[in-house]
Amino acid sequence: MEIKLCGKPAFGYAEIELEPGERFITESGAMATMSSNIDLKAKLNGGLLRGLMRKFFGNESLFINTFSNTGNSTAYMTITQPTPGDLMMREMNNDVIYLQPSAFVACEEGVNFSLKFAGLVSFISREGLFKIRVSGKGKLLFGAYGSIMERNVIGETIVDTGHLVAYDPQMKLKLQLSGGLISSLTSGEGLVTRVEGNGRIWIQSRSLSGLAKWINRFF
């Protein structure tokens, strides 16, 4: 299987080459185009109960799609994400990464994902009440609104609410004011997320909540 990321960072999409017998898993609605010899099957995202939990608490689709090359030659497909922005590919090697709700786009068969409680700090900071735990072996694609920035954290760093996309499992999230009480209320920053630990985080350069606030100024 070959995966090529294109259109980065503003309008990211992925070109996939599937050899005969290979399969690829995507979020519902991610496929933009595919060869005629690719077979599509939709199934509940981890069963009915887990699928419902991912949909209502993880902001993921109730169904996931499996694309299989049933022909005798290489097949091609293109996948995208709902919002304009970047795509990141990570090679999972029996390690773990946490994704924020709606960040998952696609993966190979050996990659597993489940829903975990993220805590009230994550919910209040608008990062979601639940997080997606990704593990296993294979290629993982996740996306964001805007460009994705990878940061190596040693000790701690501050991330504005709505910008955190993914992080290593050892990282801890805490909520705090961006400054003093008056400064936090008047600066427009308000609450921020303090990320503590040694590891990597992935941040999106834009936030949908920020876009919504900007649009609301005109209505």
N, C-alpha and C. Protein backbone atom coordinates (compact mmCIF):
# COMPACT_ATOMS: atom_id res chain seq x y z
N MET A 1 0.84 -1.19 0.00
CA MET A 1 0.00 0.00 0.00
C MET A 1 0.88 1.25 0.00
N GLU A 2 0.52 2.19 -0.86
CA GLU A 2 1.22 3.46 -0.91
C GLU A 2 0.25 4.59 -0.57
N ILE A 3 0.70 5.52 0.26
CA ILE A 3 -0.11 6.67 0.64
C ILE A 3 0.68 7.94 0.39
N LYS A 4 0.10 8.86 -0.37
CA LYS A 4 0.74 10.12 -0.67
C LYS A 4 -0.16 11.26 -0.21
N LEU A 5 0.37 12.14 0.64
CA LEU A 5 -0.38 13.30 1.11
C LEU A 5 -0.18 14.46 0.16
N CYS A 6 -1.28 15.08 -0.25
CA CYS A 6 -1.25 16.18 -1.22
C CYS A 6 -2.05 17.36 -0.68
N GLY A 7 -1.87 18.52 -1.31
CA GLY A 7 -2.68 19.69 -0.98
C GLY A 7 -2.39 20.31 0.36
N LYS A 8 -1.29 19.90 1.03
CA LYS A 8 -0.98 20.43 2.35
C LYS A 8 -0.47 21.87 2.25
N PRO A 9 -0.69 22.71 3.29
CA PRO A 9 -1.47 22.39 4.48
C PRO A 9 -2.91 22.87 4.47
N ALA A 10 -3.30 23.63 3.44
CA ALA A 10 -4.62 24.25 3.48
C ALA A 10 -5.76 23.30 3.11
N PHE A 11 -5.54 22.46 2.10
CA PHE A 11 -6.60 21.58 1.61
C PHE A 11 -6.07 20.16 1.44
N GLY A 12 -5.67 19.58 2.55
CA GLY A 12 -5.02 18.27 2.51
C GLY A 12 -5.94 17.15 2.06
N TYR A 13 -5.38 16.25 1.27
CA TYR A 13 -6.07 15.02 0.89
C TYR A 13 -5.02 13.94 0.67
N ALA A 14 -5.46 12.69 0.60
CA ALA A 14 -4.53 11.57 0.49
C ALA A 14 -4.86 10.73 -0.73
N GLU A 15 -3.81 10.38 -1.50
CA GLU A 15 -3.93 9.47 -2.63
C GLU A 15 -3.46 8.09 -2.17
N ILE A 16 -4.32 7.09 -2.29
CA ILE A 16 -4.03 5.75 -1.79
C ILE A 16 -3.91 4.78 -2.97
N GLU A 17 -2.87 3.95 -2.94
CA GLU A 17 -2.73 2.85 -3.91
C GLU A 17 -2.93 1.53 -3.16
N LEU A 18 -3.93 0.77 -3.56
CA LEU A 18 -4.22 -0.51 -2.94
C LEU A 18 -3.85 -1.64 -3.89
N GLU A 19 -2.99 -2.52 -3.42
CA GLU A 19 -2.67 -3.70 -4.21
C GLU A 19 -3.79 -4.74 -4.03
N PRO A 20 -3.90 -5.72 -4.94
CA PRO A 20 -4.96 -6.72 -4.83
C PRO A 20 -4.99 -7.37 -3.44
N GLY A 21 -6.17 -7.39 -2.84
CA GLY A 21 -6.35 -7.98 -1.52
C GLY A 21 -6.16 -7.03 -0.36
N GLU A 22 -5.60 -5.85 -0.59
CA GLU A 22 -5.38 -4.90 0.49
C GLU A 22 -6.67 -4.16 0.84
N ARG A 23 -6.76 -3.75 2.13
CA ARG A 23 -7.94 -3.04 2.61
C ARG A 23 -7.52 -1.79 3.38
N PHE A 24 -8.41 -0.81 3.39
CA PHE A 24 -8.14 0.47 4.05
C PHE A 24 -9.41 0.94 4.73
N ILE A 25 -9.28 1.47 5.94
CA ILE A 25 -10.43 1.89 6.76
C ILE A 25 -10.49 3.40 6.84
N THR A 26 -11.68 3.97 6.63
CA THR A 26 -11.82 5.43 6.69
C THR A 26 -13.04 5.82 7.52
N GLU A 27 -13.01 7.06 7.95
CA GLU A 27 -14.19 7.67 8.56
C GLU A 27 -15.29 7.78 7.50
N SER A 28 -16.53 7.71 7.94
CA SER A 28 -17.66 7.81 7.01
C SER A 28 -17.61 9.12 6.24
N GLY A 29 -17.75 9.04 4.92
CA GLY A 29 -17.78 10.22 4.07
C GLY A 29 -16.42 10.73 3.64
N ALA A 30 -15.33 10.01 3.96
CA ALA A 30 -13.99 10.49 3.65
C ALA A 30 -13.60 10.25 2.20
N MET A 31 -14.20 9.27 1.54
CA MET A 31 -13.82 8.94 0.17
C MET A 31 -14.32 10.00 -0.82
N ALA A 32 -13.39 10.48 -1.67
CA ALA A 32 -13.76 11.44 -2.71
C ALA A 32 -13.88 10.76 -4.07
N THR A 33 -12.98 9.81 -4.36
CA THR A 33 -13.02 9.07 -5.62
C THR A 33 -12.29 7.75 -5.43
N MET A 34 -12.67 6.73 -6.24
CA MET A 34 -12.00 5.44 -6.13
C MET A 34 -12.15 4.66 -7.43
N SER A 35 -11.26 3.69 -7.62
CA SER A 35 -11.32 2.82 -8.79
C SER A 35 -12.55 1.93 -8.71
N SER A 36 -13.01 1.48 -9.90
CA SER A 36 -14.22 0.67 -9.95
C SER A 36 -14.03 -0.73 -9.38
N ASN A 37 -12.77 -1.18 -9.23
CA ASN A 37 -12.53 -2.51 -8.68
C ASN A 37 -12.33 -2.50 -7.16
N ILE A 38 -12.69 -1.39 -6.51
CA ILE A 38 -12.65 -1.30 -5.04
C ILE A 38 -14.04 -1.56 -4.49
N ASP A 39 -14.12 -2.45 -3.52
CA ASP A 39 -15.38 -2.80 -2.87
C ASP A 39 -15.49 -2.05 -1.56
N LEU A 40 -16.67 -1.49 -1.30
CA LEU A 40 -16.92 -0.71 -0.09
C LEU A 40 -17.90 -1.43 0.81
N LYS A 41 -17.53 -1.56 2.09
CA LYS A 41 -18.44 -2.12 3.09
C LYS A 41 -18.45 -1.20 4.31
N ALA A 42 -19.65 -0.88 4.79
CA ALA A 42 -19.80 -0.05 5.98
C ALA A 42 -20.22 -0.94 7.15
N LYS A 43 -19.66 -0.65 8.32
CA LYS A 43 -20.04 -1.40 9.51
C LYS A 43 -20.07 -0.46 10.70
N LEU A 44 -20.77 -0.89 11.76
CA LEU A 44 -20.85 -0.08 12.96
C LEU A 44 -19.46 0.13 13.54
N ASN A 45 -19.23 1.31 14.03
CA ASN A 45 -17.92 1.70 14.55
C ASN A 45 -17.68 1.05 15.91
N GLY A 46 -17.27 -0.24 15.90
CA GLY A 46 -17.00 -0.95 17.14
C GLY A 46 -18.21 -1.60 17.77
N GLY A 47 -19.26 -1.85 16.99
CA GLY A 47 -20.48 -2.41 17.56
C GLY A 47 -21.48 -1.31 17.88
N LEU A 48 -22.73 -1.69 18.17
CA LEU A 48 -23.78 -0.70 18.35
C LEU A 48 -23.51 0.22 19.52
N LEU A 49 -23.21 -0.34 20.69
CA LEU A 49 -23.01 0.49 21.89
C LEU A 49 -21.80 1.39 21.74
N ARG A 50 -20.66 0.80 21.32
CA ARG A 50 -19.45 1.61 21.16
C ARG A 50 -19.60 2.61 20.03
N GLY A 51 -20.31 2.21 18.97
CA GLY A 51 -20.54 3.14 17.86
C GLY A 51 -21.36 4.34 18.29
N LEU A 52 -22.40 4.09 19.10
CA LEU A 52 -23.23 5.19 19.60
C LEU A 52 -22.43 6.09 20.52
N MET A 53 -21.57 5.51 21.35
CA MET A 53 -20.74 6.32 22.24
C MET A 53 -19.78 7.20 21.44
N ARG A 54 -19.17 6.63 20.39
CA ARG A 54 -18.24 7.42 19.58
C ARG A 54 -18.96 8.54 18.85
N LYS A 55 -20.19 8.28 18.43
CA LYS A 55 -20.94 9.29 17.69
C LYS A 55 -21.36 10.46 18.59
N PHE A 56 -21.92 10.14 19.76
CA PHE A 56 -22.49 11.19 20.61
C PHE A 56 -21.47 11.81 21.57
N PHE A 57 -20.42 11.06 21.95
CA PHE A 57 -19.44 11.59 22.89
C PHE A 57 -18.10 11.87 22.24
N GLY A 58 -17.79 11.18 21.16
CA GLY A 58 -16.50 11.38 20.49
C GLY A 58 -16.61 12.15 19.21
N ASN A 59 -17.83 12.55 18.83
CA ASN A 59 -18.04 13.33 17.61
C ASN A 59 -17.55 12.60 16.38
N GLU A 60 -17.62 11.25 16.41
CA GLU A 60 -17.23 10.43 15.28
C GLU A 60 -18.49 9.86 14.62
N SER A 61 -18.33 9.29 13.44
CA SER A 61 -19.46 8.71 12.73
C SER A 61 -19.90 7.40 13.37
N LEU A 62 -21.17 7.08 13.21
CA LEU A 62 -21.69 5.82 13.73
C LEU A 62 -21.12 4.64 12.94
N PHE A 63 -20.81 4.85 11.67
CA PHE A 63 -20.27 3.80 10.81
C PHE A 63 -18.86 4.16 10.35
N ILE A 64 -18.06 3.12 10.09
CA ILE A 64 -16.77 3.30 9.43
C ILE A 64 -16.80 2.48 8.14
N ASN A 65 -15.99 2.89 7.19
CA ASN A 65 -15.99 2.25 5.88
C ASN A 65 -14.70 1.46 5.66
N THR A 66 -14.83 0.26 5.11
CA THR A 66 -13.67 -0.55 4.73
C THR A 66 -13.65 -0.69 3.22
N PHE A 67 -12.54 -0.27 2.61
CA PHE A 67 -12.38 -0.33 1.15
C PHE A 67 -11.41 -1.47 0.83
N SER A 68 -11.83 -2.37 -0.06
CA SER A 68 -11.02 -3.55 -0.41
C SER A 68 -10.78 -3.57 -1.91
N ASN A 69 -9.54 -3.88 -2.29
CA ASN A 69 -9.22 -4.07 -3.71
C ASN A 69 -9.54 -5.51 -4.07
N THR A 70 -10.64 -5.70 -4.77
CA THR A 70 -11.09 -7.05 -5.15
C THR A 70 -10.64 -7.44 -6.55
N GLY A 71 -9.87 -6.57 -7.19
CA GLY A 71 -9.44 -6.85 -8.56
C GLY A 71 -8.08 -7.53 -8.62
N ASN A 72 -7.51 -7.57 -9.80
CA ASN A 72 -6.22 -8.21 -10.03
C ASN A 72 -5.10 -7.21 -10.31
N SER A 73 -5.40 -5.92 -10.21
CA SER A 73 -4.40 -4.89 -10.46
C SER A 73 -4.51 -3.81 -9.40
N THR A 74 -3.53 -2.91 -9.40
CA THR A 74 -3.51 -1.83 -8.41
C THR A 74 -4.75 -0.94 -8.55
N ALA A 75 -5.35 -0.60 -7.42
CA ALA A 75 -6.52 0.28 -7.39
C ALA A 75 -6.15 1.59 -6.70
N TYR A 76 -6.89 2.63 -7.01
CA TYR A 76 -6.57 3.97 -6.50
C TYR A 76 -7.80 4.59 -5.85
N MET A 77 -7.58 5.35 -4.80
CA MET A 77 -8.66 6.09 -4.16
C MET A 77 -8.11 7.37 -3.55
N THR A 78 -8.99 8.34 -3.37
CA THR A 78 -8.65 9.62 -2.77
C THR A 78 -9.55 9.85 -1.57
N ILE A 79 -8.96 10.23 -0.45
CA ILE A 79 -9.77 10.53 0.73
C ILE A 79 -9.50 11.97 1.18
N THR A 80 -10.51 12.58 1.77
CA THR A 80 -10.44 13.95 2.25
C THR A 80 -11.03 14.01 3.66
N GLN A 81 -11.09 15.22 4.21
CA GLN A 81 -11.74 15.43 5.50
C GLN A 81 -12.77 16.54 5.35
N PRO A 82 -13.71 16.67 6.31
CA PRO A 82 -14.82 17.62 6.14
C PRO A 82 -14.40 19.08 6.11
N THR A 83 -13.39 19.46 6.88
CA THR A 83 -12.99 20.87 6.96
C THR A 83 -11.72 21.12 6.16
N PRO A 84 -11.52 22.33 5.66
CA PRO A 84 -10.25 22.64 4.99
C PRO A 84 -9.12 22.65 5.99
N GLY A 85 -8.05 21.96 5.66
CA GLY A 85 -6.94 21.92 6.60
C GLY A 85 -5.94 20.84 6.26
N ASP A 86 -5.10 20.54 7.22
CA ASP A 86 -3.94 19.68 7.03
C ASP A 86 -4.29 18.22 7.32
N LEU A 87 -3.50 17.32 6.73
CA LEU A 87 -3.54 15.90 7.05
C LEU A 87 -2.16 15.47 7.54
N MET A 88 -2.14 14.63 8.56
CA MET A 88 -0.89 14.12 9.10
C MET A 88 -0.93 12.60 9.04
N MET A 89 0.19 11.98 8.63
CA MET A 89 0.29 10.52 8.62
C MET A 89 1.31 10.09 9.66
N ARG A 90 0.91 9.13 10.48
CA ARG A 90 1.80 8.60 11.52
C ARG A 90 1.87 7.09 11.39
N GLU A 91 3.09 6.56 11.45
CA GLU A 91 3.30 5.12 11.41
C GLU A 91 3.21 4.59 12.83
N MET A 92 2.12 3.87 13.14
CA MET A 92 1.95 3.28 14.46
C MET A 92 2.78 2.00 14.55
N ASN A 93 3.49 1.85 15.66
CA ASN A 93 4.34 0.68 15.86
C ASN A 93 4.09 0.11 17.25
N ASN A 94 2.84 -0.31 17.46
CA ASN A 94 2.40 -0.83 18.74
C ASN A 94 2.55 0.19 19.87
N ASP A 95 2.45 1.47 19.51
CA ASP A 95 2.45 2.54 20.50
C ASP A 95 1.04 3.12 20.60
N VAL A 96 0.90 4.21 21.35
CA VAL A 96 -0.41 4.80 21.61
C VAL A 96 -0.36 6.30 21.35
N ILE A 97 -1.44 6.83 20.81
CA ILE A 97 -1.61 8.27 20.65
C ILE A 97 -3.07 8.60 20.94
N TYR A 98 -3.31 9.77 21.51
CA TYR A 98 -4.67 10.23 21.77
C TYR A 98 -5.05 11.29 20.73
N LEU A 99 -6.23 11.13 20.15
CA LEU A 99 -6.77 12.10 19.20
C LEU A 99 -7.95 12.80 19.81
N GLN A 100 -8.10 14.08 19.48
CA GLN A 100 -9.29 14.80 19.88
C GLN A 100 -10.48 14.37 19.01
N PRO A 101 -11.71 14.55 19.49
CA PRO A 101 -12.88 14.17 18.69
C PRO A 101 -12.85 14.77 17.28
N SER A 102 -13.21 13.97 16.31
CA SER A 102 -13.32 14.33 14.88
C SER A 102 -11.97 14.40 14.17
N ALA A 103 -10.85 14.12 14.85
CA ALA A 103 -9.55 14.20 14.19
C ALA A 103 -9.25 12.96 13.34
N PHE A 104 -9.82 11.81 13.69
CA PHE A 104 -9.53 10.58 12.94
C PHE A 104 -10.06 10.68 11.51
N VAL A 105 -9.23 10.25 10.55
CA VAL A 105 -9.62 10.25 9.14
C VAL A 105 -9.58 8.84 8.56
N ALA A 106 -8.45 8.12 8.73
CA ALA A 106 -8.32 6.80 8.11
C ALA A 106 -7.17 6.04 8.74
N CYS A 107 -7.11 4.73 8.47
CA CYS A 107 -6.01 3.91 8.99
C CYS A 107 -5.94 2.59 8.25
N GLU A 108 -4.82 1.90 8.43
CA GLU A 108 -4.69 0.54 7.94
C GLU A 108 -5.36 -0.43 8.92
N GLU A 109 -5.50 -1.67 8.49
CA GLU A 109 -6.25 -2.65 9.27
C GLU A 109 -5.66 -2.93 10.65
N GLY A 110 -4.35 -2.84 10.79
CA GLY A 110 -3.73 -3.19 12.06
C GLY A 110 -3.86 -2.15 13.15
N VAL A 111 -4.47 -1.02 12.83
CA VAL A 111 -4.62 0.07 13.79
C VAL A 111 -5.96 -0.08 14.52
N ASN A 112 -5.92 0.06 15.84
CA ASN A 112 -7.13 -0.05 16.66
C ASN A 112 -7.44 1.29 17.31
N PHE A 113 -8.72 1.57 17.48
CA PHE A 113 -9.08 2.80 18.17
C PHE A 113 -10.29 2.57 19.07
N SER A 114 -10.30 3.26 20.21
CA SER A 114 -11.36 3.14 21.20
C SER A 114 -11.60 4.50 21.84
N LEU A 115 -12.68 4.62 22.58
CA LEU A 115 -13.06 5.88 23.21
C LEU A 115 -12.69 5.86 24.68
N LYS A 116 -12.09 6.96 25.17
CA LYS A 116 -11.73 7.05 26.58
C LYS A 116 -12.21 8.38 27.15
N PHE A 117 -12.57 8.36 28.44
CA PHE A 117 -13.00 9.58 29.10
C PHE A 117 -11.82 10.53 29.22
N ALA A 118 -12.00 11.77 28.75
CA ALA A 118 -10.90 12.74 28.74
C ALA A 118 -10.88 13.61 29.98
N GLY A 119 -11.97 13.63 30.74
CA GLY A 119 -12.02 14.44 31.95
C GLY A 119 -12.73 15.77 31.73
N LEU A 120 -13.14 16.38 32.83
CA LEU A 120 -13.87 17.65 32.77
C LEU A 120 -12.99 18.79 32.26
N VAL A 121 -11.67 18.69 32.51
CA VAL A 121 -10.77 19.73 32.01
C VAL A 121 -10.85 19.81 30.49
N SER A 122 -10.81 18.66 29.84
CA SER A 122 -10.89 18.63 28.37
C SER A 122 -12.24 19.15 27.89
N PHE A 123 -13.31 18.81 28.61
CA PHE A 123 -14.65 19.26 28.21
C PHE A 123 -14.80 20.77 28.34
N ILE A 124 -14.37 21.32 29.47
CA ILE A 124 -14.50 22.76 29.71
C ILE A 124 -13.65 23.55 28.73
N SER A 125 -12.51 23.00 28.36
CA SER A 125 -11.62 23.69 27.41
C SER A 125 -12.03 23.47 25.96
N ARG A 126 -13.21 22.88 25.76
CA ARG A 126 -13.79 22.67 24.43
C ARG A 126 -12.98 21.69 23.59
N GLU A 127 -12.28 20.76 24.26
CA GLU A 127 -11.55 19.72 23.55
C GLU A 127 -12.34 18.42 23.51
N GLY A 128 -13.50 18.39 24.17
CA GLY A 128 -14.35 17.20 24.15
C GLY A 128 -14.31 16.45 25.47
N LEU A 129 -15.44 15.82 25.82
CA LEU A 129 -15.52 15.05 27.05
C LEU A 129 -14.81 13.71 26.93
N PHE A 130 -14.65 13.23 25.70
CA PHE A 130 -13.97 11.96 25.45
C PHE A 130 -12.83 12.18 24.45
N LYS A 131 -11.87 11.26 24.46
CA LYS A 131 -10.76 11.28 23.52
C LYS A 131 -10.67 9.92 22.85
N ILE A 132 -10.03 9.88 21.70
CA ILE A 132 -9.89 8.64 20.94
C ILE A 132 -8.50 8.07 21.19
N ARG A 133 -8.47 6.86 21.71
CA ARG A 133 -7.20 6.17 21.96
C ARG A 133 -6.86 5.30 20.75
N VAL A 134 -5.74 5.58 20.11
CA VAL A 134 -5.32 4.85 18.92
C VAL A 134 -4.08 4.04 19.26
N SER A 135 -4.09 2.75 18.88
CA SER A 135 -2.96 1.87 19.15
C SER A 135 -2.81 0.90 17.98
N GLY A 136 -1.89 -0.06 18.12
CA GLY A 136 -1.72 -1.06 17.08
C GLY A 136 -0.56 -0.77 16.17
N LYS A 137 -0.62 -1.36 14.97
CA LYS A 137 0.50 -1.26 14.02
C LYS A 137 -0.05 -0.95 12.63
N GLY A 138 0.50 0.07 12.00
CA GLY A 138 0.07 0.47 10.67
C GLY A 138 0.01 1.98 10.53
N LYS A 139 -0.42 2.44 9.37
CA LYS A 139 -0.47 3.87 9.09
C LYS A 139 -1.78 4.46 9.60
N LEU A 140 -1.66 5.62 10.24
CA LEU A 140 -2.81 6.37 10.76
C LEU A 140 -2.83 7.75 10.12
N LEU A 141 -4.00 8.18 9.65
CA LEU A 141 -4.18 9.52 9.12
C LEU A 141 -5.13 10.29 10.03
N PHE A 142 -4.70 11.47 10.45
CA PHE A 142 -5.60 12.35 11.21
C PHE A 142 -5.50 13.76 10.65
N GLY A 143 -6.57 14.52 10.83
CA GLY A 143 -6.65 15.83 10.21
C GLY A 143 -7.00 16.93 11.19
N ALA A 144 -6.98 18.15 10.68
CA ALA A 144 -7.25 19.32 11.52
C ALA A 144 -7.79 20.44 10.66
N TYR A 145 -8.32 21.46 11.33
CA TYR A 145 -8.77 22.68 10.66
C TYR A 145 -7.59 23.65 10.66
N GLY A 146 -7.02 23.89 9.50
CA GLY A 146 -5.80 24.69 9.41
C GLY A 146 -4.58 23.79 9.34
N SER A 147 -3.42 24.38 9.49
CA SER A 147 -2.17 23.62 9.43
C SER A 147 -1.93 22.90 10.76
N ILE A 148 -1.23 21.75 10.69
CA ILE A 148 -0.88 20.99 11.88
C ILE A 148 0.57 21.27 12.25
N MET A 149 0.79 21.64 13.51
CA MET A 149 2.13 21.91 14.01
C MET A 149 2.48 20.86 15.06
N GLU A 150 3.61 20.21 14.88
CA GLU A 150 4.10 19.23 15.87
C GLU A 150 5.06 19.92 16.82
N ARG A 151 4.87 19.70 18.12
CA ARG A 151 5.72 20.30 19.13
C ARG A 151 6.24 19.25 20.10
N ASN A 152 7.53 19.31 20.40
CA ASN A 152 8.12 18.48 21.44
C ASN A 152 8.08 19.26 22.75
N VAL A 153 7.39 18.72 23.73
CA VAL A 153 7.22 19.39 25.01
C VAL A 153 8.14 18.76 26.05
N ILE A 154 8.89 19.60 26.72
CA ILE A 154 9.72 19.16 27.85
C ILE A 154 9.30 19.97 29.06
N GLY A 155 8.55 19.36 29.92
CA GLY A 155 8.06 20.06 31.11
C GLY A 155 6.62 20.48 30.97
N GLU A 156 6.38 21.61 30.28
CA GLU A 156 5.01 22.09 30.11
C GLU A 156 4.95 23.14 29.02
N THR A 157 3.74 23.34 28.48
CA THR A 157 3.49 24.39 27.50
C THR A 157 2.02 24.77 27.57
N ILE A 158 1.68 25.91 27.00
CA ILE A 158 0.30 26.41 27.02
C ILE A 158 -0.28 26.33 25.61
N VAL A 159 -1.51 25.80 25.50
CA VAL A 159 -2.21 25.70 24.22
C VAL A 159 -3.58 26.35 24.39
N ASP A 160 -3.95 27.21 23.46
CA ASP A 160 -5.26 27.84 23.52
C ASP A 160 -6.34 26.79 23.31
N THR A 161 -7.49 27.00 23.93
CA THR A 161 -8.59 26.03 23.82
C THR A 161 -9.04 25.89 22.38
N GLY A 162 -9.33 24.66 21.98
CA GLY A 162 -9.79 24.39 20.63
C GLY A 162 -8.69 24.16 19.62
N HIS A 163 -7.41 24.20 20.04
CA HIS A 163 -6.30 24.04 19.11
C HIS A 163 -5.57 22.72 19.24
N LEU A 164 -5.78 21.99 20.31
CA LEU A 164 -5.09 20.73 20.51
C LEU A 164 -5.74 19.63 19.67
N VAL A 165 -4.94 18.92 18.87
CA VAL A 165 -5.44 17.89 17.96
C VAL A 165 -5.10 16.49 18.47
N ALA A 166 -3.86 16.29 18.89
CA ALA A 166 -3.41 14.96 19.32
C ALA A 166 -2.25 15.11 20.28
N TYR A 167 -2.00 14.06 21.09
CA TYR A 167 -0.90 14.12 22.04
C TYR A 167 -0.51 12.72 22.49
N ASP A 168 0.73 12.60 22.94
CA ASP A 168 1.22 11.34 23.47
C ASP A 168 0.50 10.99 24.77
N PRO A 169 0.36 9.70 25.10
CA PRO A 169 -0.47 9.31 26.23
C PRO A 169 0.04 9.78 27.59
N GLN A 170 1.33 10.07 27.73
CA GLN A 170 1.87 10.48 29.01
C GLN A 170 1.61 11.95 29.33
N MET A 171 1.10 12.70 28.35
CA MET A 171 0.86 14.13 28.56
C MET A 171 -0.40 14.35 29.40
N LYS A 172 -0.34 15.31 30.33
CA LYS A 172 -1.45 15.64 31.20
C LYS A 172 -1.99 17.03 30.85
N LEU A 173 -3.32 17.16 30.90
CA LEU A 173 -3.97 18.43 30.56
C LEU A 173 -4.54 19.08 31.81
N LYS A 174 -4.28 20.38 31.96
CA LYS A 174 -4.84 21.16 33.06
C LYS A 174 -5.40 22.46 32.51
N LEU A 175 -6.46 22.94 33.15
CA LEU A 175 -7.13 24.16 32.70
C LEU A 175 -6.74 25.33 33.59
N GLN A 176 -6.52 26.49 32.97
CA GLN A 176 -6.18 27.66 33.76
C GLN A 176 -6.55 28.93 32.98
N LEU A 177 -6.56 30.06 33.70
CA LEU A 177 -6.75 31.34 33.05
C LEU A 177 -5.50 31.69 32.25
N SER A 178 -5.67 32.42 31.16
CA SER A 178 -4.53 32.78 30.32
C SER A 178 -3.60 33.77 31.00
N GLY A 179 -4.11 34.51 31.96
CA GLY A 179 -3.32 35.49 32.71
C GLY A 179 -4.04 35.79 34.01
N GLY A 180 -3.95 37.03 34.46
CA GLY A 180 -4.75 37.44 35.61
C GLY A 180 -6.22 37.48 35.24
N LEU A 181 -7.07 37.63 36.25
CA LEU A 181 -8.52 37.60 36.01
C LEU A 181 -8.95 38.66 35.02
N ILE A 182 -8.52 39.89 35.22
CA ILE A 182 -8.93 40.99 34.33
C ILE A 182 -8.35 40.79 32.94
N SER A 183 -7.07 40.43 32.88
CA SER A 183 -6.43 40.23 31.57
C SER A 183 -7.09 39.09 30.81
N SER A 184 -7.45 38.01 31.51
CA SER A 184 -8.08 36.87 30.85
C SER A 184 -9.44 37.24 30.28
N LEU A 185 -10.17 38.11 30.99
CA LEU A 185 -11.50 38.49 30.54
C LEU A 185 -11.46 39.51 29.41
N THR A 186 -10.45 40.36 29.39
CA THR A 186 -10.41 41.44 28.40
C THR A 186 -9.55 41.14 27.18
N SER A 187 -8.68 40.14 27.27
CA SER A 187 -7.75 39.86 26.17
C SER A 187 -8.36 39.00 25.07
N GLY A 188 -9.51 38.37 25.38
CA GLY A 188 -10.12 37.47 24.41
C GLY A 188 -9.56 36.06 24.48
N GLU A 189 -8.56 35.82 25.33
CA GLU A 189 -7.96 34.49 25.45
C GLU A 189 -8.72 33.61 26.43
N GLY A 190 -9.16 34.18 27.56
CA GLY A 190 -9.96 33.41 28.52
C GLY A 190 -9.20 32.23 29.10
N LEU A 191 -9.79 31.04 28.97
CA LEU A 191 -9.17 29.83 29.49
C LEU A 191 -8.20 29.23 28.48
N VAL A 192 -7.13 28.65 28.98
CA VAL A 192 -6.17 27.95 28.14
C VAL A 192 -5.87 26.59 28.77
N THR A 193 -5.24 25.73 27.99
CA THR A 193 -4.88 24.40 28.46
C THR A 193 -3.39 24.33 28.72
N ARG A 194 -3.03 23.93 29.95
CA ARG A 194 -1.63 23.70 30.29
C ARG A 194 -1.32 22.21 30.05
N VAL A 195 -0.41 21.93 29.14
CA VAL A 195 -0.02 20.56 28.83
C VAL A 195 1.28 20.26 29.55
N GLU A 196 1.28 19.23 30.40
CA GLU A 196 2.44 18.90 31.21
C GLU A 196 2.97 17.52 30.86
N GLY A 197 4.31 17.38 30.89
CA GLY A 197 4.95 16.10 30.62
C GLY A 197 6.03 16.24 29.57
N ASN A 198 6.65 15.13 29.24
CA ASN A 198 7.67 15.10 28.20
C ASN A 198 7.16 14.23 27.05
N GLY A 199 6.94 14.84 25.92
CA GLY A 199 6.41 14.11 24.78
C GLY A 199 5.99 15.06 23.67
N ARG A 200 5.22 14.54 22.73
CA ARG A 200 4.82 15.33 21.56
C ARG A 200 3.34 15.68 21.61
N ILE A 201 3.04 16.84 21.08
CA ILE A 201 1.66 17.25 20.88
C ILE A 201 1.52 17.77 19.46
N TRP A 202 0.29 17.73 18.94
CA TRP A 202 0.00 18.25 17.60
C TRP A 202 -1.10 19.29 17.74
N ILE A 203 -0.85 20.47 17.16
CA ILE A 203 -1.74 21.63 17.33
C ILE A 203 -2.23 22.09 15.97
N GLN A 204 -3.50 22.49 15.88
CA GLN A 204 -4.01 23.07 14.64
C GLN A 204 -3.91 24.59 14.70
N SER A 205 -3.59 25.20 13.56
CA SER A 205 -3.36 26.64 13.52
C SER A 205 -4.65 27.44 13.58
N ARG A 206 -5.79 26.80 13.32
CA ARG A 206 -7.08 27.47 13.38
C ARG A 206 -8.01 26.67 14.28
N SER A 207 -9.10 27.31 14.71
CA SER A 207 -10.12 26.61 15.49
C SER A 207 -11.49 26.96 14.95
N LEU A 208 -12.38 25.97 14.94
CA LEU A 208 -13.74 26.21 14.46
C LEU A 208 -14.50 27.17 15.37
N SER A 209 -14.22 27.12 16.67
CA SER A 209 -14.88 28.06 17.59
C SER A 209 -14.45 29.49 17.30
N GLY A 210 -13.17 29.67 16.94
CA GLY A 210 -12.70 31.00 16.57
C GLY A 210 -13.36 31.50 15.30
N LEU A 211 -13.55 30.61 14.32
CA LEU A 211 -14.25 30.97 13.10
C LEU A 211 -15.69 31.36 13.39
N ALA A 212 -16.35 30.60 14.26
CA ALA A 212 -17.75 30.89 14.60
C ALA A 212 -17.87 32.27 15.27
N LYS A 213 -16.92 32.60 16.15
CA LYS A 213 -16.95 33.92 16.80
C LYS A 213 -16.75 35.03 15.78
N TRP A 214 -15.87 34.81 14.82
CA TRP A 214 -15.61 35.83 13.80
C TRP A 214 -16.85 36.04 12.94
N ILE A 215 -17.53 34.95 12.56
CA ILE A 215 -18.73 35.06 11.74
C ILE A 215 -19.85 35.77 12.52
N ASN A 216 -19.98 35.46 13.80
CA ASN A 216 -21.04 36.04 14.62
C ASN A 216 -20.92 37.55 14.76
N ARG A 217 -19.73 38.09 14.54
CA ARG A 217 -19.56 39.54 14.62
C ARG A 217 -20.39 40.27 13.58
N PHE A 218 -20.73 39.58 12.50
CA PHE A 218 -21.43 40.25 11.40
C PHE A 218 -22.93 39.98 11.41
N PHE A 219 -23.43 39.29 12.43
CA PHE A 219 -24.86 38.95 12.47
C PHE A 219 -25.44 39.32 13.82
